[in-house]
Amino acid sequence: MSSAKEKREAGVKLQKMREEEERAMVVENEKKIIEEVKKEKAKEMKAKAARKAETLGEVEVDVPVDEEGFKNGSQEPGNG
């Protein structure tokens, strides 16, 4: 009987390990997706700032924009 019990316990442990591994993979994928979204948002903010600069007739179009969308380290979006 102990052999059947041991097999059952081993099966339960194996199942738990698989579930934990699957959860870890899901978390890792979520982190990657979040990073991709952040990068895409930064690109959109930079493009928006460049378009705004062009419409306002500013000479400098290639303005560095940080990850939060602020120009030249300012605390207000669009101000350099």
C-alpha atoms as a PDB file:
ATOM      1  CA  MET A   1       0.000   0.000   0.000  1.00  0.00           C
ATOM      2  CA  SER A   2       2.831   2.392   0.725  1.00  0.00           C
ATOM      3  CA  SER A   3       3.945   2.049  -2.878  1.00  0.00           C
ATOM      4  CA  ALA A   4       0.570   3.215  -4.205  1.00  0.00           C
ATOM      5  CA  LYS A   5       0.527   6.012  -1.645  1.00  0.00           C
ATOM      6  CA  GLU A   6       4.044   7.086  -2.617  1.00  0.00           C
ATOM      7  CA  LYS A   7       3.101   7.084  -6.302  1.00  0.00           C
ATOM      8  CA  ARG A   8       0.044   9.202  -5.560  1.00  0.00           C
ATOM      9  CA  GLU A   9       2.118  11.672  -3.510  1.00  0.00           C
ATOM     10  CA  ALA A  10       4.743  11.849  -6.247  1.00  0.00           C
ATOM     11  CA  GLY A  11       2.008  12.509  -8.801  1.00  0.00           C
ATOM     12  CA  VAL A  12       0.591  15.319  -6.661  1.00  0.00           C
ATOM     13  CA  LYS A  13       4.051  16.864  -6.231  1.00  0.00           C
ATOM     14  CA  LEU A  14       4.686  16.644  -9.964  1.00  0.00           C
ATOM     15  CA  GLN A  15       1.333  18.284 -10.727  1.00  0.00           C
ATOM     16  CA  LYS A  16       2.079  21.106  -8.263  1.00  0.00           C
ATOM     17  CA  MET A  17       5.492  21.650  -9.847  1.00  0.00           C
ATOM     18  CA  ARG A  18       3.933  21.847 -13.320  1.00  0.00           C
ATOM     19  CA  GLU A  19       1.308  24.331 -12.124  1.00  0.00           C
ATOM     20  CA  GLU A  20       3.959  26.506 -10.470  1.00  0.00           C
ATOM     21  CA  GLU A  21       6.092  26.437 -13.622  1.00  0.00           C
ATOM     22  CA  GLU A  22       3.071  27.420 -15.716  1.00  0.00           C
ATOM     23  CA  ARG A  23       2.274  30.329 -13.368  1.00  0.00           C
ATOM     24  CA  ALA A  24       5.883  31.516 -13.587  1.00  0.00           C
ATOM     25  CA  MET A  25       5.705  31.466 -17.389  1.00  0.00           C
ATOM     26  CA  VAL A  26       2.463  33.466 -17.355  1.00  0.00           C
ATOM     27  CA  VAL A  27       4.001  36.088 -15.060  1.00  0.00           C
ATOM     28  CA  GLU A  28       7.079  36.346 -17.292  1.00  0.00           C
ATOM     29  CA  ASN A  29       4.909  36.779 -20.387  1.00  0.00           C
ATOM     30  CA  GLU A  30       2.873  39.483 -18.635  1.00  0.00           C
ATOM     31  CA  LYS A  31       6.081  41.355 -17.767  1.00  0.00           C
ATOM     32  CA  LYS A  32       7.221  41.217 -21.404  1.00  0.00           C
ATOM     33  CA  ILE A  33       3.862  42.513 -22.628  1.00  0.00           C
ATOM     34  CA  ILE A  34       3.935  45.385 -20.132  1.00  0.00           C
ATOM     35  CA  GLU A  35       7.436  46.382 -21.294  1.00  0.00           C
ATOM     36  CA  GLU A  36       6.343  46.309 -24.935  1.00  0.00           C
ATOM     37  CA  VAL A  37       3.341  48.516 -24.136  1.00  0.00           C
ATOM     38  CA  LYS A  38       5.573  51.006 -22.280  1.00  0.00           C
ATOM     39  CA  LYS A  39       7.983  51.199 -25.224  1.00  0.00           C
ATOM     40  CA  GLU A  40       5.136  51.680 -27.694  1.00  0.00           C
ATOM     41  CA  LYS A  41       3.618  54.438 -25.535  1.00  0.00           C
ATOM     42  CA  ALA A  42       6.989  56.240 -25.392  1.00  0.00           C
ATOM     43  CA  LYS A  43       7.238  56.073 -29.197  1.00  0.00           C
ATOM     44  CA  GLU A  44       3.727  57.484 -29.532  1.00  0.00           C
ATOM     45  CA  MET A  45       4.518  60.353 -27.155  1.00  0.00           C
ATOM     46  CA  LYS A  46       7.696  61.185 -29.075  1.00  0.00           C
ATOM     47  CA  ALA A  47       5.844  61.166 -32.388  1.00  0.00           C
ATOM     48  CA  LYS A  48       3.079  63.327 -30.930  1.00  0.00           C
ATOM     49  CA  ALA A  49       5.629  65.829 -29.614  1.00  0.00           C
ATOM     50  CA  ALA A  50       7.345  65.946 -33.013  1.00  0.00           C
ATOM     51  CA  ARG A  51       4.043  66.544 -34.814  1.00  0.00           C
ATOM     52  CA  LYS A  52       3.124  69.273 -32.340  1.00  0.00           C
ATOM     53  CA  ALA A  53       6.496  70.939 -32.842  1.00  0.00           C
ATOM     54  CA  GLU A  54       6.050  70.841 -36.609  1.00  0.00           C
ATOM     55  CA  THR A  55       2.557  72.345 -36.426  1.00  0.00           C
ATOM     56  CA  LEU A  56       3.746  75.095 -34.130  1.00  0.00           C
ATOM     57  CA  GLY A  57       6.506  75.876 -36.616  1.00  0.00           C
ATOM     58  CA  GLU A  58       9.338  75.207 -34.206  1.00  0.00           C
ATOM     59  CA  VAL A  59      12.730  74.671 -35.775  1.00  0.00           C
ATOM     60  CA  GLU A  60      13.796  71.793 -33.528  1.00  0.00           C
ATOM     61  CA  VAL A  61      11.768  68.712 -34.441  1.00  0.00           C
ATOM     62  CA  ASP A  62      13.949  65.927 -33.055  1.00  0.00           C
ATOM     63  CA  VAL A  63      13.353  66.579 -29.344  1.00  0.00           C
ATOM     64  CA  PRO A  64      14.528  63.919 -26.899  1.00  0.00           C
ATOM     65  CA  VAL A  65      11.581  62.542 -24.945  1.00  0.00           C
ATOM     66  CA  ASP A  66      12.069  60.350 -21.892  1.00  0.00           C
ATOM     67  CA  GLU A  67       9.985  57.260 -21.053  1.00  0.00           C
ATOM     68  CA  GLU A  68       7.251  59.277 -19.330  1.00  0.00           C
ATOM     69  CA  GLY A  69       6.880  61.504 -22.386  1.00  0.00           C
ATOM     70  CA  PHE A  70       8.626  64.582 -21.001  1.00  0.00           C
ATOM     71  CA  LYS A  71      10.956  66.631 -23.194  1.00  0.00           C
ATOM     72  CA  ASN A  72      14.513  67.347 -22.050  1.00  0.00           C
ATOM     73  CA  GLY A  73      13.880  66.183 -18.472  1.00  0.00           C
ATOM     74  CA  SER A  74      11.133  68.728 -17.737  1.00  0.00           C
ATOM     75  CA  GLN A  75       8.216  67.923 -15.470  1.00  0.00           C
ATOM     76  CA  GLU A  76       5.547  69.061 -17.909  1.00  0.00           C
ATOM     77  CA  PRO A  77       4.842  67.213 -21.150  1.00  0.00           C
ATOM     78  CA  GLY A  78       5.839  69.252 -24.167  1.00  0.00           C
ATOM     79  CA  ASN A  79       7.995  71.793 -22.312  1.00  0.00           C
ATOM     80  CA  GLY A  80      11.741  71.781 -22.816  1.00  0.00           C
END
